N, C-alpha and C. Protein backbone atom coordinates (compact mmCIF):
# COMPACT_ATOMS: atom_id res chain seq x y z
N MET A 1 108.52 60.05 38.46
CA MET A 1 107.99 58.82 39.02
C MET A 1 106.83 58.35 38.15
N PHE A 2 106.69 57.05 38.10
CA PHE A 2 105.63 56.46 37.30
C PHE A 2 104.56 55.88 38.22
N SER A 3 103.30 56.00 37.79
CA SER A 3 102.19 55.47 38.57
C SER A 3 101.93 54.02 38.17
N ALA A 4 101.05 53.36 38.93
CA ALA A 4 100.68 51.98 38.61
C ALA A 4 100.01 51.91 37.24
N ASP A 5 99.22 52.92 36.89
CA ASP A 5 98.58 52.94 35.56
C ASP A 5 99.61 53.02 34.45
N ASP A 6 100.68 53.79 34.66
CA ASP A 6 101.74 53.87 33.65
C ASP A 6 102.38 52.50 33.44
N PHE A 7 102.65 51.80 34.54
CA PHE A 7 103.26 50.48 34.42
C PHE A 7 102.29 49.48 33.79
N LYS A 8 101.01 49.59 34.14
CA LYS A 8 100.02 48.67 33.58
C LYS A 8 99.92 48.87 32.07
N THR A 9 99.90 50.10 31.62
CA THR A 9 99.86 50.39 30.19
C THR A 9 101.09 49.82 29.49
N ALA A 10 102.25 49.98 30.10
CA ALA A 10 103.48 49.45 29.51
C ALA A 10 103.45 47.92 29.45
N LEU A 11 102.96 47.28 30.50
CA LEU A 11 102.89 45.81 30.51
C LEU A 11 101.93 45.29 29.44
N PHE A 12 100.77 45.95 29.27
CA PHE A 12 99.83 45.54 28.23
C PHE A 12 100.45 45.69 26.85
N ARG A 13 101.24 46.72 26.66
CA ARG A 13 101.87 46.93 25.35
C ARG A 13 102.98 45.92 25.07
N LEU A 14 103.54 45.35 26.13
CA LEU A 14 104.61 44.37 25.96
C LEU A 14 104.07 42.96 25.67
N LEU A 15 102.77 42.75 25.83
CA LEU A 15 102.20 41.42 25.58
C LEU A 15 102.32 41.06 24.10
N PRO A 16 102.56 39.78 23.82
CA PRO A 16 102.56 39.35 22.43
C PRO A 16 101.16 39.46 21.83
N ARG A 17 101.06 39.42 20.54
CA ARG A 17 99.77 39.51 19.87
C ARG A 17 99.16 38.11 19.77
N GLY A 18 97.87 38.08 19.78
CA GLY A 18 97.19 36.80 19.59
C GLY A 18 96.03 36.64 20.55
N ARG A 19 95.21 35.59 20.29
CA ARG A 19 94.00 35.38 21.09
C ARG A 19 94.33 34.88 22.49
N ALA A 20 95.51 34.31 22.66
CA ALA A 20 95.89 33.80 23.99
C ALA A 20 96.32 34.92 24.93
N TRP A 21 96.44 36.12 24.39
CA TRP A 21 96.92 37.25 25.19
C TRP A 21 95.89 38.38 25.17
N PRO A 22 94.80 38.23 25.91
CA PRO A 22 93.75 39.26 25.89
C PRO A 22 94.24 40.57 26.52
N ARG A 23 93.76 41.65 25.97
CA ARG A 23 94.14 42.97 26.49
C ARG A 23 93.02 43.59 27.31
N ASP A 24 92.09 42.83 27.73
CA ASP A 24 90.97 43.31 28.53
C ASP A 24 91.42 43.45 29.99
N PRO A 25 91.30 44.64 30.58
CA PRO A 25 91.74 44.84 31.97
C PRO A 25 90.94 43.99 32.97
N GLY A 26 89.73 43.55 32.60
CA GLY A 26 88.92 42.74 33.51
C GLY A 26 89.23 41.27 33.46
N SER A 27 90.09 40.83 32.54
CA SER A 27 90.42 39.41 32.44
C SER A 27 91.38 39.00 33.56
N VAL A 28 91.58 37.69 33.68
CA VAL A 28 92.51 37.19 34.70
C VAL A 28 93.91 37.73 34.42
N GLN A 29 94.28 37.70 33.16
CA GLN A 29 95.61 38.22 32.80
C GLN A 29 95.71 39.71 33.10
N GLY A 30 94.63 40.47 32.87
CA GLY A 30 94.63 41.89 33.19
C GLY A 30 94.79 42.13 34.69
N SER A 31 94.16 41.27 35.51
CA SER A 31 94.29 41.40 36.97
C SER A 31 95.72 41.11 37.41
N VAL A 32 96.32 40.09 36.80
CA VAL A 32 97.71 39.75 37.15
C VAL A 32 98.64 40.90 36.78
N LEU A 33 98.44 41.46 35.58
CA LEU A 33 99.29 42.58 35.16
C LEU A 33 99.08 43.81 36.04
N SER A 34 97.85 44.01 36.50
CA SER A 34 97.58 45.13 37.42
C SER A 34 98.33 44.95 38.73
N ALA A 35 98.39 43.70 39.22
CA ALA A 35 99.12 43.42 40.46
C ALA A 35 100.62 43.68 40.25
N PHE A 36 101.16 43.21 39.12
CA PHE A 36 102.56 43.48 38.83
C PHE A 36 102.83 44.97 38.72
N ALA A 37 101.91 45.68 38.07
CA ALA A 37 102.08 47.12 37.86
C ALA A 37 102.16 47.85 39.20
N GLN A 38 101.31 47.45 40.15
CA GLN A 38 101.34 48.09 41.47
C GLN A 38 102.68 47.83 42.16
N GLY A 39 103.20 46.62 42.03
CA GLY A 39 104.51 46.29 42.61
C GLY A 39 105.62 47.11 41.99
N PHE A 40 105.57 47.27 40.65
CA PHE A 40 106.58 48.08 39.98
C PHE A 40 106.49 49.55 40.41
N ALA A 41 105.27 50.04 40.60
CA ALA A 41 105.09 51.44 41.03
C ALA A 41 105.65 51.62 42.45
N ASP A 42 105.41 50.64 43.31
CA ASP A 42 105.95 50.72 44.67
C ASP A 42 107.48 50.73 44.64
N HIS A 43 108.06 49.89 43.82
CA HIS A 43 109.52 49.86 43.70
C HIS A 43 110.05 51.17 43.13
N SER A 44 109.33 51.76 42.19
CA SER A 44 109.74 53.04 41.64
C SER A 44 109.74 54.13 42.71
N ASP A 45 108.69 54.14 43.53
CA ASP A 45 108.62 55.12 44.62
C ASP A 45 109.75 54.91 45.62
N ARG A 46 110.02 53.65 45.95
CA ARG A 46 111.07 53.35 46.92
C ARG A 46 112.45 53.74 46.37
N SER A 47 112.65 53.56 45.06
CA SER A 47 113.95 53.95 44.50
C SER A 47 114.12 55.47 44.53
N PHE A 48 113.03 56.21 44.39
CA PHE A 48 113.10 57.66 44.51
C PHE A 48 113.47 58.04 45.95
N ASN A 49 112.89 57.36 46.93
CA ASN A 49 113.25 57.61 48.33
C ASN A 49 114.71 57.27 48.60
N LEU A 50 115.21 56.23 47.93
CA LEU A 50 116.61 55.86 48.11
C LEU A 50 117.53 56.97 47.64
N LEU A 51 117.16 57.65 46.56
CA LEU A 51 117.97 58.77 46.10
C LEU A 51 117.99 59.89 47.14
N LYS A 52 116.84 60.15 47.78
CA LYS A 52 116.81 61.17 48.83
C LYS A 52 117.63 60.73 50.04
N ASP A 53 117.55 59.45 50.40
CA ASP A 53 118.26 58.95 51.57
C ASP A 53 119.76 58.81 51.34
N ALA A 54 120.20 58.87 50.11
CA ALA A 54 121.63 58.72 49.82
C ALA A 54 122.43 59.94 50.25
N PHE A 55 121.77 61.04 50.55
CA PHE A 55 122.45 62.26 50.94
C PHE A 55 122.11 62.59 52.40
N PRO A 56 123.11 62.88 53.22
CA PRO A 56 122.88 63.10 54.65
C PRO A 56 121.82 64.15 54.99
N PRO A 57 121.76 65.31 54.33
CA PRO A 57 120.77 66.31 54.76
C PRO A 57 119.31 65.88 54.55
N THR A 58 119.06 64.94 53.64
CA THR A 58 117.68 64.54 53.36
C THR A 58 117.40 63.10 53.76
N THR A 59 118.27 62.49 54.51
CA THR A 59 118.08 61.09 54.87
C THR A 59 117.01 60.91 55.94
N TYR A 60 116.33 59.79 55.89
CA TYR A 60 115.38 59.42 56.93
C TYR A 60 115.48 57.92 57.20
N GLU A 61 115.22 57.13 56.17
CA GLU A 61 115.25 55.68 56.37
C GLU A 61 116.67 55.14 56.52
N LEU A 62 117.64 55.76 55.88
CA LEU A 62 119.02 55.32 56.00
C LEU A 62 119.78 56.05 57.11
N LEU A 63 119.05 56.78 57.94
CA LEU A 63 119.70 57.50 59.04
C LEU A 63 120.49 56.57 59.96
N PRO A 64 119.96 55.40 60.35
CA PRO A 64 120.78 54.50 61.17
C PRO A 64 122.07 54.04 60.48
N GLU A 65 122.02 53.85 59.15
CA GLU A 65 123.23 53.48 58.41
C GLU A 65 124.26 54.60 58.45
N TRP A 66 123.79 55.83 58.20
CA TRP A 66 124.70 56.97 58.25
C TRP A 66 125.30 57.11 59.65
N GLU A 67 124.46 56.94 60.68
CA GLU A 67 124.96 57.08 62.05
C GLU A 67 126.02 56.03 62.37
N SER A 68 125.78 54.78 62.00
CA SER A 68 126.77 53.75 62.33
C SER A 68 128.07 53.97 61.55
N THR A 69 127.96 54.50 60.34
CA THR A 69 129.16 54.78 59.55
C THR A 69 129.99 55.89 60.18
N LEU A 70 129.33 56.87 60.79
CA LEU A 70 130.02 58.03 61.34
C LEU A 70 130.23 57.97 62.85
N GLY A 71 130.00 56.81 63.46
CA GLY A 71 130.22 56.66 64.89
C GLY A 71 129.16 57.31 65.76
N LEU A 72 127.96 57.38 65.26
CA LEU A 72 126.84 57.95 66.00
C LEU A 72 125.83 56.85 66.30
N PRO A 73 124.90 57.02 67.19
CA PRO A 73 124.75 58.14 68.10
C PRO A 73 125.79 58.10 69.21
N ASP A 74 126.06 59.26 69.73
CA ASP A 74 127.00 59.36 70.82
C ASP A 74 126.35 60.12 71.97
N PRO A 75 127.01 60.21 73.10
CA PRO A 75 126.40 60.86 74.27
C PRO A 75 126.11 62.35 74.07
N CYS A 76 126.69 62.97 73.06
CA CYS A 76 126.48 64.41 72.85
C CYS A 76 125.02 64.77 72.64
N ALA A 77 124.28 63.93 71.95
CA ALA A 77 122.89 64.24 71.61
C ALA A 77 121.92 63.95 72.75
N GLY A 78 122.36 63.31 73.79
CA GLY A 78 121.47 63.00 74.90
C GLY A 78 120.76 61.67 74.67
N PRO A 79 119.88 61.30 75.61
CA PRO A 79 119.24 59.98 75.52
C PRO A 79 118.20 59.85 74.42
N LEU A 80 117.46 60.91 74.10
CA LEU A 80 116.40 60.83 73.09
C LEU A 80 116.49 61.99 72.10
N PRO A 81 117.47 61.97 71.20
CA PRO A 81 117.57 63.07 70.24
C PRO A 81 116.44 63.00 69.21
N THR A 82 116.05 64.16 68.70
CA THR A 82 115.03 64.20 67.67
C THR A 82 115.66 63.80 66.34
N ILE A 83 114.82 63.53 65.36
CA ILE A 83 115.30 63.18 64.02
C ILE A 83 116.14 64.33 63.47
N GLN A 84 115.67 65.58 63.65
CA GLN A 84 116.41 66.74 63.16
C GLN A 84 117.79 66.84 63.79
N GLN A 85 117.89 66.59 65.11
CA GLN A 85 119.18 66.64 65.78
C GLN A 85 120.10 65.54 65.26
N ARG A 86 119.54 64.37 65.03
CA ARG A 86 120.34 63.25 64.53
C ARG A 86 120.86 63.55 63.12
N VAL A 87 119.99 64.10 62.26
CA VAL A 87 120.40 64.44 60.90
C VAL A 87 121.47 65.54 60.93
N ALA A 88 121.27 66.54 61.81
CA ALA A 88 122.26 67.62 61.91
C ALA A 88 123.62 67.08 62.35
N GLN A 89 123.62 66.13 63.28
CA GLN A 89 124.89 65.54 63.71
C GLN A 89 125.53 64.75 62.58
N VAL A 90 124.73 64.01 61.82
CA VAL A 90 125.27 63.26 60.68
C VAL A 90 125.90 64.21 59.67
N VAL A 91 125.18 65.30 59.34
CA VAL A 91 125.71 66.27 58.37
C VAL A 91 127.00 66.89 58.89
N ALA A 92 127.01 67.27 60.16
CA ALA A 92 128.21 67.89 60.73
C ALA A 92 129.38 66.93 60.71
N ARG A 93 129.16 65.69 61.12
CA ARG A 93 130.26 64.72 61.13
C ARG A 93 130.72 64.39 59.71
N PHE A 94 129.77 64.34 58.79
CA PHE A 94 130.12 64.00 57.41
C PHE A 94 130.93 65.11 56.76
N THR A 95 130.67 66.35 57.14
CA THR A 95 131.37 67.47 56.52
C THR A 95 132.59 67.93 57.30
N TYR A 96 132.90 67.27 58.43
CA TYR A 96 134.13 67.62 59.14
C TYR A 96 135.30 67.42 58.18
N THR A 97 136.04 68.46 57.94
CA THR A 97 137.21 68.35 57.08
C THR A 97 138.49 68.51 57.88
N GLY A 98 138.33 68.87 59.12
CA GLY A 98 139.49 69.13 59.95
C GLY A 98 139.94 70.57 59.77
N GLY A 99 140.43 71.14 60.80
CA GLY A 99 140.90 72.51 60.73
C GLY A 99 141.04 73.06 62.13
N GLN A 100 141.69 74.20 62.21
CA GLN A 100 141.87 74.83 63.51
C GLN A 100 141.58 76.31 63.45
N SER A 101 140.91 76.75 62.41
CA SER A 101 140.60 78.17 62.30
C SER A 101 139.25 78.45 62.95
N ALA A 102 139.03 79.70 63.28
CA ALA A 102 137.74 80.10 63.85
C ALA A 102 136.62 79.85 62.85
N ALA A 103 136.87 80.10 61.58
CA ALA A 103 135.85 79.88 60.55
C ALA A 103 135.45 78.42 60.47
N TYR A 104 136.40 77.52 60.65
CA TYR A 104 136.09 76.09 60.61
C TYR A 104 135.12 75.71 61.74
N TYR A 105 135.42 76.16 62.96
CA TYR A 105 134.55 75.81 64.09
C TYR A 105 133.19 76.48 63.98
N GLU A 106 133.14 77.67 63.42
CA GLU A 106 131.85 78.32 63.19
C GLU A 106 131.02 77.54 62.17
N SER A 107 131.68 76.98 61.14
CA SER A 107 130.93 76.20 60.15
C SER A 107 130.46 74.87 60.73
N VAL A 108 131.25 74.26 61.59
CA VAL A 108 130.82 73.02 62.26
C VAL A 108 129.58 73.31 63.11
N ALA A 109 129.62 74.40 63.87
CA ALA A 109 128.47 74.77 64.69
C ALA A 109 127.26 75.08 63.83
N SER A 110 127.47 75.74 62.72
CA SER A 110 126.37 76.06 61.82
C SER A 110 125.72 74.79 61.28
N ASN A 111 126.52 73.79 60.93
CA ASN A 111 125.97 72.51 60.47
C ASN A 111 125.17 71.82 61.56
N LEU A 112 125.51 72.07 62.81
CA LEU A 112 124.76 71.49 63.93
C LEU A 112 123.50 72.31 64.25
N GLY A 113 123.39 73.50 63.67
CA GLY A 113 122.22 74.34 63.89
C GLY A 113 122.44 75.45 64.91
N TYR A 114 123.69 75.82 65.17
CA TYR A 114 124.01 76.85 66.16
C TYR A 114 124.75 78.00 65.48
N LEU A 115 124.41 79.22 65.88
CA LEU A 115 125.10 80.40 65.37
C LEU A 115 126.05 80.87 66.46
N ILE A 116 127.36 80.80 66.19
CA ILE A 116 128.35 81.16 67.19
C ILE A 116 129.38 82.11 66.59
N THR A 117 130.17 82.70 67.49
CA THR A 117 131.38 83.42 67.11
C THR A 117 132.51 82.90 67.98
N ILE A 118 133.72 83.11 67.53
CA ILE A 118 134.90 82.64 68.25
C ILE A 118 135.73 83.85 68.68
N THR A 119 136.17 83.84 69.93
CA THR A 119 137.08 84.86 70.43
C THR A 119 138.42 84.18 70.69
N GLN A 120 139.47 84.76 70.15
CA GLN A 120 140.81 84.22 70.38
C GLN A 120 141.56 85.15 71.32
N PHE A 121 142.40 84.58 72.17
CA PHE A 121 143.13 85.34 73.16
C PHE A 121 144.63 85.29 72.86
N ALA A 122 145.36 86.14 73.53
CA ALA A 122 146.82 86.17 73.37
C ALA A 122 147.43 86.50 74.73
N PRO A 123 148.64 86.03 75.00
CA PRO A 123 149.28 86.37 76.27
C PRO A 123 149.63 87.86 76.29
N SER A 124 149.79 88.38 77.50
CA SER A 124 150.11 89.81 77.61
C SER A 124 151.54 90.07 77.17
N ARG A 125 151.70 91.23 76.56
CA ARG A 125 153.02 91.64 76.07
C ARG A 125 153.17 93.14 76.30
N PHE A 126 154.40 93.59 76.36
CA PHE A 126 154.63 95.03 76.47
C PHE A 126 154.22 95.69 75.17
N GLY A 127 153.65 96.84 75.29
CA GLY A 127 153.24 97.58 74.12
C GLY A 127 151.75 97.43 73.80
N ARG A 128 151.04 96.57 74.52
CA ARG A 128 149.61 96.42 74.30
C ARG A 128 148.88 97.56 74.99
N THR A 129 147.74 97.89 74.50
CA THR A 129 146.98 99.00 75.09
C THR A 129 146.42 98.59 76.44
N PHE A 130 146.21 99.61 77.29
CA PHE A 130 145.64 99.36 78.61
C PHE A 130 144.16 98.99 78.47
N GLY A 131 143.69 98.21 79.39
CA GLY A 131 142.29 97.81 79.38
C GLY A 131 142.08 96.41 78.82
N LYS A 132 143.08 95.83 78.19
CA LYS A 132 142.98 94.46 77.68
C LYS A 132 143.21 93.50 78.83
N SER A 133 142.66 92.29 78.70
CA SER A 133 142.87 91.31 79.78
C SER A 133 144.34 90.96 79.89
N PHE A 134 144.79 90.77 81.13
CA PHE A 134 146.19 90.50 81.40
C PHE A 134 146.31 89.03 81.77
N GLY A 135 147.10 88.28 81.02
CA GLY A 135 147.22 86.85 81.30
C GLY A 135 148.58 86.32 80.95
N GLY A 136 148.82 85.08 81.38
CA GLY A 136 150.10 84.44 81.16
C GLY A 136 150.15 83.72 79.83
N GLN A 137 151.12 82.81 79.71
CA GLN A 137 151.36 82.11 78.45
C GLN A 137 150.20 81.18 78.06
N ASP A 138 149.41 80.72 79.03
CA ASP A 138 148.29 79.83 78.70
C ASP A 138 147.28 80.50 77.77
N TRP A 139 147.22 81.83 77.78
CA TRP A 139 146.26 82.53 76.93
C TRP A 139 146.59 82.37 75.45
N ALA A 140 147.78 81.96 75.12
CA ALA A 140 148.13 81.71 73.72
C ALA A 140 147.38 80.50 73.17
N TYR A 141 146.90 79.64 74.07
CA TYR A 141 146.21 78.42 73.66
C TYR A 141 144.73 78.43 74.00
N ALA A 142 144.24 79.56 74.48
CA ALA A 142 142.83 79.66 74.88
C ALA A 142 141.99 80.26 73.77
N TRP A 143 140.77 79.79 73.66
CA TRP A 143 139.79 80.35 72.73
C TRP A 143 138.42 80.18 73.33
N GLN A 144 137.50 81.00 72.87
CA GLN A 144 136.17 81.04 73.50
C GLN A 144 135.08 80.96 72.43
N VAL A 145 134.08 80.15 72.71
CA VAL A 145 132.90 80.05 71.84
C VAL A 145 131.82 80.93 72.45
N ASN A 146 131.33 81.88 71.69
CA ASN A 146 130.26 82.78 72.12
C ASN A 146 128.97 82.33 71.45
N ALA A 147 127.97 82.02 72.27
CA ALA A 147 126.69 81.54 71.74
C ALA A 147 125.56 82.04 72.62
N PRO A 148 124.35 82.06 72.10
CA PRO A 148 123.20 82.43 72.94
C PRO A 148 123.02 81.43 74.07
N THR A 149 122.45 81.90 75.19
CA THR A 149 122.22 81.01 76.32
C THR A 149 121.36 79.84 75.92
N PHE A 150 120.30 80.11 75.18
CA PHE A 150 119.41 79.05 74.72
C PHE A 150 119.28 79.15 73.21
N THR A 151 119.75 78.16 72.51
CA THR A 151 119.54 78.08 71.07
C THR A 151 118.29 77.25 70.84
N THR A 152 117.32 77.83 70.17
CA THR A 152 116.06 77.14 69.94
C THR A 152 116.13 76.37 68.63
N ASN A 153 115.98 75.07 68.72
CA ASN A 153 115.90 74.22 67.53
C ASN A 153 114.45 73.87 67.33
N ALA A 154 113.79 74.54 66.38
CA ALA A 154 112.37 74.36 66.15
C ALA A 154 112.10 73.14 65.27
N PHE A 155 110.97 72.51 65.51
CA PHE A 155 110.53 71.36 64.71
C PHE A 155 110.19 71.82 63.31
N ARG A 156 110.67 71.10 62.30
CA ARG A 156 110.33 71.38 60.91
C ARG A 156 109.51 70.22 60.38
N PHE A 157 108.34 70.52 59.85
CA PHE A 157 107.50 69.47 59.30
C PHE A 157 108.19 68.86 58.09
N GLY A 158 108.14 67.56 58.01
CA GLY A 158 108.81 66.83 56.95
C GLY A 158 110.22 66.42 57.32
N ALA A 159 110.77 67.00 58.38
CA ALA A 159 112.13 66.65 58.80
C ALA A 159 112.13 65.85 60.10
N GLY A 160 111.00 65.73 60.74
CA GLY A 160 110.91 64.98 61.99
C GLY A 160 109.87 63.90 61.89
N SER A 161 109.54 63.33 63.03
CA SER A 161 108.52 62.28 63.04
C SER A 161 107.52 62.54 64.16
N PHE A 162 106.43 61.81 64.12
CA PHE A 162 105.34 61.98 65.08
C PHE A 162 105.85 61.74 66.49
N GLY A 163 105.42 62.60 67.42
CA GLY A 163 105.77 62.44 68.82
C GLY A 163 106.97 63.25 69.27
N GLU A 164 107.66 63.91 68.33
CA GLU A 164 108.81 64.72 68.72
C GLU A 164 108.34 66.08 69.23
N PRO A 165 109.12 66.70 70.12
CA PRO A 165 108.72 68.02 70.61
C PRO A 165 108.80 69.07 69.50
N PHE A 166 108.02 70.14 69.66
CA PHE A 166 108.00 71.21 68.66
C PHE A 166 109.24 72.09 68.73
N ALA A 167 109.95 72.06 69.85
CA ALA A 167 111.17 72.85 69.97
C ALA A 167 112.04 72.27 71.08
N ALA A 168 113.34 72.52 70.98
CA ALA A 168 114.29 72.12 72.01
C ALA A 168 115.21 73.30 72.28
N TRP A 169 115.48 73.56 73.56
CA TRP A 169 116.29 74.70 73.96
C TRP A 169 117.50 74.20 74.72
N ASN A 170 118.62 74.08 74.05
CA ASN A 170 119.84 73.75 74.77
C ASN A 170 121.04 73.89 73.85
N ASN A 171 122.21 73.87 74.47
CA ASN A 171 123.46 73.96 73.73
C ASN A 171 124.34 72.74 74.02
N ASN A 172 123.72 71.66 74.49
CA ASN A 172 124.49 70.48 74.89
C ASN A 172 125.25 69.86 73.73
N VAL A 173 124.59 69.72 72.59
CA VAL A 173 125.24 69.10 71.43
C VAL A 173 126.40 69.98 70.96
N LEU A 174 126.19 71.29 70.96
CA LEU A 174 127.25 72.22 70.55
C LEU A 174 128.49 72.05 71.41
N SER A 175 128.32 72.14 72.72
CA SER A 175 129.50 72.07 73.60
C SER A 175 130.17 70.70 73.54
N CYS A 176 129.39 69.65 73.48
CA CYS A 176 129.98 68.30 73.43
C CYS A 176 130.74 68.06 72.14
N GLU A 177 130.14 68.43 71.00
CA GLU A 177 130.80 68.21 69.71
C GLU A 177 132.08 69.04 69.57
N LEU A 178 132.03 70.31 70.00
CA LEU A 178 133.22 71.15 69.88
C LEU A 178 134.33 70.70 70.83
N GLN A 179 133.98 70.25 72.02
CA GLN A 179 135.00 69.73 72.93
C GLN A 179 135.65 68.47 72.37
N ALA A 180 134.86 67.68 71.63
CA ALA A 180 135.40 66.45 71.05
C ALA A 180 136.39 66.72 69.93
N ILE A 181 136.20 67.81 69.18
CA ILE A 181 137.10 68.06 68.04
C ILE A 181 138.09 69.19 68.30
N ALA A 182 138.06 69.78 69.49
CA ALA A 182 139.02 70.85 69.81
C ALA A 182 140.42 70.26 69.87
N PRO A 183 141.41 71.00 69.40
CA PRO A 183 142.79 70.51 69.50
C PRO A 183 143.16 70.25 70.96
N ALA A 184 143.87 69.17 71.20
CA ALA A 184 144.17 68.73 72.56
C ALA A 184 145.00 69.73 73.35
N HIS A 185 145.80 70.54 72.69
CA HIS A 185 146.68 71.47 73.39
C HIS A 185 146.00 72.80 73.71
N THR A 186 144.72 72.96 73.36
CA THR A 186 144.04 74.24 73.57
C THR A 186 143.11 74.18 74.78
N ILE A 187 142.74 75.36 75.22
CA ILE A 187 141.79 75.52 76.34
C ILE A 187 140.54 76.12 75.76
N LEU A 188 139.45 75.35 75.77
CA LEU A 188 138.19 75.79 75.19
C LEU A 188 137.27 76.31 76.28
N ASN A 189 136.79 77.54 76.10
CA ASN A 189 135.83 78.15 77.02
C ASN A 189 134.53 78.40 76.27
N PHE A 190 133.44 78.37 77.00
CA PHE A 190 132.13 78.69 76.43
C PHE A 190 131.56 79.90 77.16
N LYS A 191 131.01 80.84 76.41
CA LYS A 191 130.35 81.99 76.98
C LYS A 191 128.95 82.05 76.38
N PHE A 192 127.97 81.73 77.22
CA PHE A 192 126.58 81.76 76.78
C PHE A 192 125.94 83.03 77.31
N SER A 193 125.37 83.82 76.43
CA SER A 193 124.76 85.08 76.85
C SER A 193 123.54 85.36 75.98
N GLU A 194 122.76 86.36 76.41
CA GLU A 194 121.55 86.73 75.67
C GLU A 194 121.90 87.41 74.38
């Protein structure tokens, strides 16, 4: 990034030679060039921010644009989501590639900020060991998300804004997002434990 002084030096060097073009910083022309230099420095800083905002994990000012592109905000985040929750939802939605494996759903949850495991079930059959759960054909389509009762999403400085809480304890976004992308023919269960 360039400072206003860098731009001012460059502008003075670009002036033509001659008595009509004084190089004195205290002259009227020097004041005008200083004003231009500050404007160029501001634009340089803003363009650097644009590069950061162009990527979902580091976005702040373009967050509303990313949200509208990805169909957010939605009811999953609740009425007043934090900036971190909004960015996490944008990243998760942006990286959805589709899939039906346990690893895929674990990665979606991880992008949302939740650490989960998936349990898959199977219908009962002859030859299975005793002590396993006994169920009908519906168990072929059942799966379970195992997560802590309370997932703590802590405030990170630089990723949020003034007035946001320092922590949030809930799994609402996790359950809502996974229910929205779960295959329609499956039965999704949640098991929250310590």
